[in-house]
Amino acid sequence: MVRVMKKESVPEAVVPATSLLTRRQVAERLGVCGHTVQRLTRKGILQALVFNPRLIRYRREAVEALIAHATVE
């Protein structure tokens, strides 16, 4: 069973593949583990695109915005 709460289902043709990141790629960019990325998604801090239960991606722009928001000047 897949939890679709706070996730957006989008047809694959709508979003260019080059602007999407896997959970592992997001975790590397944020410097956290994959479970933390899942927690951020569950809390609504980071939105996931769910194509099917095994294919979940994150928008590169959303990840970069999260990094910019979390960075202290």
Protein backbone atom coordinates (compact mmCIF):
# COMPACT_ATOMS: atom_id res chain seq x y z
CA MET A 1 0.00 0.00 0.00
CA VAL A 2 1.33 3.42 -0.94
CA ARG A 3 0.67 6.50 1.13
CA VAL A 4 -0.31 9.26 -1.30
CA MET A 5 -0.78 11.91 1.35
CA LYS A 6 1.00 15.16 0.49
CA LYS A 7 2.23 13.71 -2.79
CA GLU A 8 1.28 14.74 -6.27
CA SER A 9 0.46 12.19 -8.96
CA VAL A 10 1.59 13.48 -12.33
CA PRO A 11 1.64 11.79 -15.74
CA GLU A 12 5.21 11.08 -16.84
CA ALA A 13 4.94 13.19 -20.00
CA VAL A 14 4.19 16.37 -18.01
CA VAL A 15 7.58 16.71 -16.31
CA PRO A 16 10.92 16.50 -18.16
CA ALA A 17 13.01 13.64 -16.77
CA THR A 18 16.10 15.85 -16.49
CA SER A 19 14.43 18.02 -13.84
CA LEU A 20 13.54 15.06 -11.61
CA LEU A 21 15.64 13.52 -8.85
CA THR A 22 15.49 10.17 -7.08
CA ARG A 23 15.27 9.94 -3.30
CA ARG A 24 18.95 9.01 -3.18
CA GLN A 25 19.93 12.03 -5.28
CA VAL A 26 17.85 14.32 -3.04
CA ALA A 27 19.45 12.81 0.06
CA GLU A 28 22.94 13.42 -1.36
CA ARG A 29 22.12 17.05 -2.22
CA LEU A 30 20.68 17.67 1.26
CA GLY A 31 23.39 15.71 3.07
CA VAL A 32 20.87 13.43 4.79
CA CYS A 33 19.76 9.80 4.48
CA GLY A 34 16.86 8.53 2.37
CA HIS A 35 14.64 8.06 5.42
CA THR A 36 14.96 11.77 6.18
CA VAL A 37 13.80 12.58 2.65
CA GLN A 38 10.76 10.34 3.27
CA ARG A 39 10.06 12.17 6.54
CA LEU A 40 10.31 15.57 4.83
CA THR A 41 7.80 14.32 2.25
CA ARG A 42 5.39 12.98 4.89
CA LYS A 43 5.54 16.30 6.77
CA GLY A 44 4.78 18.22 3.57
CA ILE A 45 8.11 20.03 3.53
CA LEU A 46 9.17 18.40 0.26
CA GLN A 47 6.65 17.39 -2.39
CA ALA A 48 7.07 14.07 -4.22
CA LEU A 49 5.79 13.12 -7.65
CA VAL A 50 4.35 9.60 -7.58
CA PHE A 51 4.23 7.91 -10.98
CA ASN A 52 3.59 4.49 -9.42
CA PRO A 53 4.45 2.94 -6.03
CA ARG A 54 8.01 2.14 -7.10
CA LEU A 55 8.69 5.29 -9.11
CA ILE A 56 8.77 8.38 -6.90
CA ARG A 57 10.67 11.48 -7.96
CA TYR A 58 11.29 14.98 -6.67
CA ARG A 59 11.45 18.22 -8.66
CA ARG A 60 14.98 19.64 -8.82
CA GLU A 61 13.57 23.16 -8.32
CA ALA A 62 11.79 22.12 -5.10
CA VAL A 63 14.98 20.63 -3.70
CA GLU A 64 17.01 23.72 -4.61
CA ALA A 65 14.34 25.94 -3.03
CA LEU A 66 14.46 23.87 0.17
CA ILE A 67 18.25 24.24 0.26
CA ALA A 68 18.02 28.00 -0.33
CA HIS A 69 15.35 28.36 2.37
CA ALA A 70 17.34 26.35 4.90
CA THR A 71 20.62 28.20 4.26
CA VAL A 72 21.41 30.84 6.84
CA GLU A 73 23.04 34.01 5.59
